[in-house]
Amino acid sequence: AAPRPAALGWRLLAMLYDAIPLLPITLLVSTLAFVLNGLRTLTHPAAFVGMWFAIWLACGAYFVLSWGRGGQTMGMRPWRLRVVDANGRATMAGAEVLVIARTRGCEELRIVGSAPRSIRVERTKRSG
């Protein structure tokens, strides 16, 4: 049977929990940009945009690595959520997530998709 998408409430709780590792990632990248700018505030628009692009890449790497290593981020584990494909396979390689993002646009990474290779978040049953 095809996996059922997780309820919106569980996904929102997972997103809230995922803010815990994303905040230090954001602070680390912005501190690195500050240091590379000679310990001066980023005032040039290109430097500022570059910093935010680097933050976006670092946060994206967190999700790709997490999903590629078990189909779960830190925020998904407490709620027993996992990323699966349309056939219910437990995980997918991080490279596949990048291919989907590149070929179908970032809107495909909304976790519950309707594309032929849709990615879903399902809630697993508790064993025992």
N, C-alpha and C. Protein backbone atom coordinates (compact mmCIF):
# COMPACT_ATOMS: atom_id res chain seq x y z
N ALA A 1 0.84 -1.19 0.00
CA ALA A 1 0.00 0.00 0.00
C ALA A 1 0.88 1.24 0.00
N ALA A 2 0.40 2.25 -0.69
CA ALA A 2 1.14 3.51 -0.75
C ALA A 2 1.13 4.18 0.62
N PRO A 3 2.22 4.80 1.01
CA PRO A 3 2.27 5.44 2.31
C PRO A 3 1.34 6.64 2.36
N ARG A 4 0.73 6.84 3.53
CA ARG A 4 -0.13 8.00 3.72
C ARG A 4 0.70 9.18 4.17
N PRO A 5 0.44 10.35 3.63
CA PRO A 5 1.18 11.52 4.11
C PRO A 5 0.90 11.78 5.59
N ALA A 6 1.90 12.26 6.27
CA ALA A 6 1.73 12.61 7.68
C ALA A 6 0.83 13.84 7.79
N ALA A 7 0.14 13.94 8.91
CA ALA A 7 -0.75 15.07 9.15
C ALA A 7 0.07 16.36 9.25
N LEU A 8 -0.55 17.45 8.89
CA LEU A 8 0.11 18.74 8.88
C LEU A 8 0.68 19.10 10.26
N GLY A 9 -0.03 18.80 11.30
CA GLY A 9 0.43 19.12 12.65
C GLY A 9 1.76 18.46 12.99
N TRP A 10 1.92 17.18 12.61
CA TRP A 10 3.17 16.46 12.87
C TRP A 10 4.31 17.07 12.07
N ARG A 11 4.03 17.45 10.84
CA ARG A 11 5.07 18.07 10.00
C ARG A 11 5.47 19.43 10.53
N LEU A 12 4.51 20.21 11.04
CA LEU A 12 4.84 21.51 11.61
C LEU A 12 5.68 21.36 12.88
N LEU A 13 5.36 20.35 13.71
CA LEU A 13 6.19 20.09 14.89
C LEU A 13 7.61 19.70 14.48
N ALA A 14 7.73 18.90 13.44
CA ALA A 14 9.07 18.51 12.95
C ALA A 14 9.82 19.74 12.45
N MET A 15 9.14 20.65 11.78
CA MET A 15 9.79 21.87 11.31
C MET A 15 10.28 22.72 12.48
N LEU A 16 9.48 22.79 13.54
CA LEU A 16 9.88 23.53 14.72
C LEU A 16 11.13 22.92 15.35
N TYR A 17 11.17 21.62 15.46
CA TYR A 17 12.34 20.92 16.00
C TYR A 17 13.55 21.09 15.09
N ASP A 18 13.34 21.15 13.79
CA ASP A 18 14.46 21.32 12.86
C ASP A 18 15.09 22.70 12.97
N ALA A 19 14.42 23.63 13.60
CA ALA A 19 15.02 24.95 13.82
C ALA A 19 16.19 24.84 14.80
N ILE A 20 16.21 23.81 15.64
CA ILE A 20 17.27 23.65 16.64
C ILE A 20 18.64 23.48 15.96
N PRO A 21 18.82 22.57 15.00
CA PRO A 21 20.13 22.50 14.35
C PRO A 21 20.34 23.58 13.28
N LEU A 22 19.26 24.14 12.74
CA LEU A 22 19.42 25.14 11.69
C LEU A 22 19.91 26.48 12.23
N LEU A 23 19.56 26.81 13.46
CA LEU A 23 20.02 28.07 14.04
C LEU A 23 21.55 28.10 14.18
N PRO A 24 22.19 27.07 14.77
CA PRO A 24 23.65 27.12 14.83
C PRO A 24 24.31 27.08 13.45
N ILE A 25 23.71 26.38 12.50
CA ILE A 25 24.26 26.37 11.14
C ILE A 25 24.24 27.78 10.57
N THR A 26 23.14 28.48 10.75
CA THR A 26 23.01 29.85 10.27
C THR A 26 24.01 30.77 10.95
N LEU A 27 24.15 30.62 12.27
CA LEU A 27 25.11 31.45 13.00
C LEU A 27 26.54 31.16 12.58
N LEU A 28 26.86 29.91 12.34
CA LEU A 28 28.22 29.55 11.92
C LEU A 28 28.56 30.16 10.56
N VAL A 29 27.64 30.04 9.61
CA VAL A 29 27.89 30.59 8.26
C VAL A 29 27.98 32.11 8.30
N SER A 30 27.10 32.76 9.07
CA SER A 30 27.16 34.22 9.13
C SER A 30 28.41 34.69 9.86
N THR A 31 28.86 33.95 10.87
CA THR A 31 30.12 34.30 11.54
C THR A 31 31.30 34.14 10.59
N LEU A 32 31.29 33.08 9.81
CA LEU A 32 32.34 32.88 8.82
C LEU A 32 32.37 34.03 7.81
N ALA A 33 31.21 34.47 7.37
CA ALA A 33 31.14 35.60 6.43
C ALA A 33 31.68 36.87 7.08
N PHE A 34 31.38 37.06 8.35
CA PHE A 34 31.86 38.22 9.10
C PHE A 34 33.38 38.20 9.21
N VAL A 35 33.93 37.02 9.51
CA VAL A 35 35.39 36.88 9.63
C VAL A 35 36.06 37.09 8.27
N LEU A 36 35.49 36.50 7.23
CA LEU A 36 36.06 36.67 5.89
C LEU A 36 35.98 38.11 5.40
N ASN A 37 35.08 38.89 5.97
CA ASN A 37 34.93 40.30 5.61
C ASN A 37 35.82 41.19 6.49
N GLY A 38 36.79 40.61 7.16
CA GLY A 38 37.71 41.40 7.99
C GLY A 38 37.09 41.89 9.28
N LEU A 39 36.16 41.13 9.84
CA LEU A 39 35.47 41.47 11.09
C LEU A 39 34.72 42.79 10.99
N ARG A 40 34.25 43.09 9.78
CA ARG A 40 33.42 44.28 9.55
C ARG A 40 32.03 43.83 9.13
N THR A 41 31.06 44.66 9.42
CA THR A 41 29.68 44.37 9.03
C THR A 41 29.58 44.27 7.52
N LEU A 42 28.77 43.35 7.05
CA LEU A 42 28.56 43.19 5.61
C LEU A 42 27.66 44.32 5.12
N THR A 43 28.25 45.27 4.45
CA THR A 43 27.46 46.42 3.96
C THR A 43 27.25 46.37 2.45
N HIS A 44 28.15 45.71 1.76
CA HIS A 44 28.01 45.62 0.31
C HIS A 44 26.89 44.62 -0.02
N PRO A 45 25.96 45.00 -0.91
CA PRO A 45 24.83 44.10 -1.23
C PRO A 45 25.27 42.73 -1.73
N ALA A 46 26.33 42.67 -2.52
CA ALA A 46 26.78 41.37 -3.05
C ALA A 46 27.28 40.47 -1.93
N ALA A 47 27.98 41.04 -0.95
CA ALA A 47 28.46 40.24 0.18
C ALA A 47 27.29 39.73 1.01
N PHE A 48 26.31 40.59 1.21
CA PHE A 48 25.13 40.21 1.99
C PHE A 48 24.34 39.09 1.31
N VAL A 49 24.13 39.24 0.00
CA VAL A 49 23.43 38.20 -0.77
C VAL A 49 24.23 36.91 -0.78
N GLY A 50 25.55 37.03 -0.91
CA GLY A 50 26.40 35.85 -0.88
C GLY A 50 26.31 35.11 0.43
N MET A 51 26.25 35.86 1.54
CA MET A 51 26.11 35.22 2.85
C MET A 51 24.79 34.45 2.94
N TRP A 52 23.71 35.06 2.50
CA TRP A 52 22.42 34.38 2.57
C TRP A 52 22.35 33.18 1.63
N PHE A 53 23.03 33.26 0.51
CA PHE A 53 23.10 32.11 -0.39
C PHE A 53 23.87 30.97 0.28
N ALA A 54 24.97 31.30 0.96
CA ALA A 54 25.74 30.29 1.68
C ALA A 54 24.92 29.67 2.81
N ILE A 55 24.12 30.47 3.50
CA ILE A 55 23.24 29.95 4.55
C ILE A 55 22.22 29.00 3.94
N TRP A 56 21.65 29.39 2.81
CA TRP A 56 20.67 28.54 2.13
C TRP A 56 21.29 27.20 1.74
N LEU A 57 22.52 27.25 1.21
CA LEU A 57 23.21 26.01 0.83
C LEU A 57 23.51 25.14 2.04
N ALA A 58 23.96 25.74 3.14
CA ALA A 58 24.29 24.97 4.33
C ALA A 58 23.04 24.33 4.93
N CYS A 59 21.94 25.05 4.97
CA CYS A 59 20.69 24.47 5.50
C CYS A 59 20.17 23.38 4.56
N GLY A 60 20.31 23.60 3.26
CA GLY A 60 19.92 22.56 2.30
C GLY A 60 20.76 21.31 2.46
N ALA A 61 22.05 21.49 2.73
CA ALA A 61 22.94 20.33 2.94
C ALA A 61 22.51 19.54 4.17
N TYR A 62 22.05 20.24 5.21
CA TYR A 62 21.54 19.55 6.41
C TYR A 62 20.40 18.61 6.04
N PHE A 63 19.45 19.09 5.25
CA PHE A 63 18.31 18.26 4.88
C PHE A 63 18.72 17.13 3.95
N VAL A 64 19.54 17.42 2.96
CA VAL A 64 19.97 16.38 2.01
C VAL A 64 20.73 15.29 2.74
N LEU A 65 21.66 15.66 3.61
CA LEU A 65 22.43 14.66 4.35
C LEU A 65 21.53 13.86 5.30
N SER A 66 20.62 14.53 5.97
CA SER A 66 19.72 13.84 6.89
C SER A 66 18.80 12.87 6.16
N TRP A 67 18.21 13.32 5.08
CA TRP A 67 17.30 12.45 4.33
C TRP A 67 18.05 11.32 3.66
N GLY A 68 19.28 11.56 3.23
CA GLY A 68 20.07 10.52 2.59
C GLY A 68 20.57 9.46 3.56
N ARG A 69 20.62 9.78 4.85
CA ARG A 69 21.13 8.85 5.85
C ARG A 69 20.00 8.29 6.72
N GLY A 70 18.91 7.95 6.15
CA GLY A 70 17.85 7.33 6.93
C GLY A 70 16.47 7.92 6.71
N GLY A 71 16.37 8.94 5.90
CA GLY A 71 15.06 9.49 5.58
C GLY A 71 14.46 10.37 6.67
N GLN A 72 15.27 10.77 7.66
CA GLN A 72 14.74 11.59 8.75
C GLN A 72 15.71 12.70 9.11
N THR A 73 15.16 13.85 9.47
CA THR A 73 15.96 14.91 10.07
C THR A 73 15.83 14.79 11.57
N MET A 74 16.58 15.59 12.30
CA MET A 74 16.49 15.55 13.75
C MET A 74 15.07 15.88 14.22
N GLY A 75 14.41 16.78 13.53
CA GLY A 75 13.06 17.15 13.91
C GLY A 75 12.01 16.10 13.59
N MET A 76 12.32 15.20 12.67
CA MET A 76 11.35 14.17 12.28
C MET A 76 11.40 12.95 13.22
N ARG A 77 12.53 12.72 13.85
CA ARG A 77 12.70 11.51 14.67
C ARG A 77 11.72 11.40 15.84
N PRO A 78 11.54 12.46 16.66
CA PRO A 78 10.65 12.30 17.81
C PRO A 78 9.20 11.99 17.42
N TRP A 79 8.81 12.40 16.23
CA TRP A 79 7.43 12.22 15.79
C TRP A 79 7.28 11.01 14.86
N ARG A 80 8.38 10.25 14.73
CA ARG A 80 8.40 9.04 13.89
C ARG A 80 7.97 9.33 12.46
N LEU A 81 8.47 10.43 11.90
CA LEU A 81 8.22 10.77 10.51
C LEU A 81 9.44 10.37 9.70
N ARG A 82 9.23 10.02 8.47
CA ARG A 82 10.35 9.70 7.59
C ARG A 82 9.96 10.04 6.17
N VAL A 83 10.97 10.32 5.35
CA VAL A 83 10.76 10.62 3.95
C VAL A 83 10.81 9.31 3.18
N VAL A 84 9.79 9.06 2.39
CA VAL A 84 9.74 7.86 1.56
C VAL A 84 9.33 8.26 0.15
N ASP A 85 9.59 7.38 -0.79
CA ASP A 85 9.13 7.66 -2.14
C ASP A 85 7.70 7.12 -2.31
N ALA A 86 7.16 7.22 -3.50
CA ALA A 86 5.77 6.82 -3.74
C ALA A 86 5.55 5.33 -3.50
N ASN A 87 6.63 4.52 -3.57
CA ASN A 87 6.50 3.08 -3.33
C ASN A 87 6.70 2.71 -1.87
N GLY A 88 6.97 3.68 -1.02
CA GLY A 88 7.15 3.41 0.40
C GLY A 88 8.56 3.00 0.78
N ARG A 89 9.52 3.15 -0.13
CA ARG A 89 10.91 2.84 0.22
C ARG A 89 11.35 3.77 1.33
N ALA A 90 12.07 3.23 2.30
CA ALA A 90 12.37 3.94 3.53
C ALA A 90 13.23 5.17 3.36
N THR A 91 14.11 5.18 2.39
CA THR A 91 15.00 6.32 2.27
C THR A 91 15.41 6.49 0.82
N MET A 92 16.09 7.57 0.56
CA MET A 92 16.63 7.78 -0.77
C MET A 92 17.96 8.46 -0.63
N ALA A 93 18.76 8.37 -1.63
CA ALA A 93 20.09 8.96 -1.58
C ALA A 93 19.99 10.47 -1.64
N GLY A 94 20.92 11.15 -1.01
CA GLY A 94 20.94 12.60 -1.04
C GLY A 94 21.07 13.13 -2.45
N ALA A 95 21.79 12.41 -3.30
CA ALA A 95 21.95 12.84 -4.69
C ALA A 95 20.61 12.85 -5.41
N GLU A 96 19.74 11.92 -5.08
CA GLU A 96 18.42 11.89 -5.70
C GLU A 96 17.60 13.12 -5.31
N VAL A 97 17.73 13.55 -4.07
CA VAL A 97 17.04 14.77 -3.65
C VAL A 97 17.54 15.96 -4.45
N LEU A 98 18.86 16.03 -4.67
CA LEU A 98 19.41 17.12 -5.46
C LEU A 98 18.92 17.07 -6.90
N VAL A 99 18.83 15.89 -7.47
CA VAL A 99 18.34 15.75 -8.84
C VAL A 99 16.90 16.22 -8.93
N ILE A 100 16.07 15.83 -7.97
CA ILE A 100 14.68 16.26 -7.96
C ILE A 100 14.61 17.78 -7.84
N ALA A 101 15.41 18.36 -6.96
CA ALA A 101 15.39 19.82 -6.78
C ALA A 101 15.83 20.53 -8.04
N ARG A 102 16.83 19.99 -8.71
CA ARG A 102 17.37 20.65 -9.90
C ARG A 102 16.43 20.51 -11.09
N THR A 103 15.83 19.34 -11.27
CA THR A 103 15.04 19.11 -12.47
C THR A 103 13.60 19.57 -12.34
N ARG A 104 13.06 19.57 -11.15
CA ARG A 104 11.65 19.92 -10.99
C ARG A 104 11.42 21.20 -10.22
N GLY A 105 12.47 21.81 -9.77
CA GLY A 105 12.33 23.05 -9.01
C GLY A 105 12.15 22.75 -7.54
N CYS A 106 12.43 23.74 -6.74
CA CYS A 106 12.39 23.54 -5.28
C CYS A 106 11.00 23.26 -4.76
N GLU A 107 9.96 23.61 -5.51
CA GLU A 107 8.61 23.33 -5.02
C GLU A 107 8.36 21.83 -4.89
N GLU A 108 9.14 21.01 -5.58
CA GLU A 108 8.98 19.56 -5.46
C GLU A 108 9.46 19.05 -4.11
N LEU A 109 10.30 19.82 -3.43
CA LEU A 109 10.82 19.39 -2.14
C LEU A 109 9.87 19.72 -1.00
N ARG A 110 8.62 19.88 -1.31
CA ARG A 110 7.65 20.18 -0.27
C ARG A 110 7.26 18.94 0.52
N ILE A 111 7.93 17.84 0.28
CA ILE A 111 7.83 16.58 0.99
C ILE A 111 6.60 15.78 0.57
N VAL A 112 5.44 16.37 0.49
CA VAL A 112 4.29 15.62 -0.01
C VAL A 112 4.03 16.12 -1.41
N GLY A 113 4.37 15.31 -2.40
CA GLY A 113 4.26 15.75 -3.77
C GLY A 113 3.27 14.93 -4.56
N SER A 114 2.96 15.39 -5.73
CA SER A 114 2.05 14.65 -6.59
C SER A 114 2.72 14.28 -7.90
N ALA A 115 4.04 14.45 -7.97
CA ALA A 115 4.79 14.11 -9.18
C ALA A 115 4.95 12.60 -9.25
N PRO A 116 5.32 12.06 -10.41
CA PRO A 116 5.50 10.62 -10.53
C PRO A 116 6.47 10.04 -9.51
N ARG A 117 7.50 10.77 -9.15
CA ARG A 117 8.45 10.30 -8.13
C ARG A 117 8.20 11.08 -6.86
N SER A 118 6.98 11.11 -6.39
CA SER A 118 6.66 11.95 -5.26
C SER A 118 7.39 11.49 -4.00
N ILE A 119 7.70 12.45 -3.19
CA ILE A 119 8.35 12.20 -1.91
C ILE A 119 7.29 12.45 -0.86
N ARG A 120 7.16 11.54 0.05
CA ARG A 120 6.14 11.69 1.08
C ARG A 120 6.77 11.57 2.45
N VAL A 121 6.10 12.17 3.42
CA VAL A 121 6.46 11.97 4.81
C VAL A 121 5.37 11.14 5.42
N GLU A 122 5.75 10.01 5.98
CA GLU A 122 4.75 9.16 6.61
C GLU A 122 5.08 9.01 8.07
N ARG A 123 4.08 8.70 8.84
CA ARG A 123 4.25 8.46 10.27
C ARG A 123 4.27 6.95 10.46
N THR A 124 5.34 6.45 11.05
CA THR A 124 5.47 5.01 11.25
C THR A 124 4.72 4.58 12.49
N LYS A 125 4.30 3.33 12.49
CA LYS A 125 3.62 2.77 13.65
C LYS A 125 4.64 2.42 14.70
N ARG A 126 4.27 2.54 15.94
CA ARG A 126 5.13 2.18 17.04
C ARG A 126 5.14 0.66 17.17
N SER A 127 6.32 0.08 17.21
CA SER A 127 6.39 -1.39 17.32
C SER A 127 6.39 -1.79 18.79
N GLY A 128 5.69 -2.86 19.05
CA GLY A 128 5.72 -3.42 20.40
C GLY A 128 4.57 -3.09 21.23
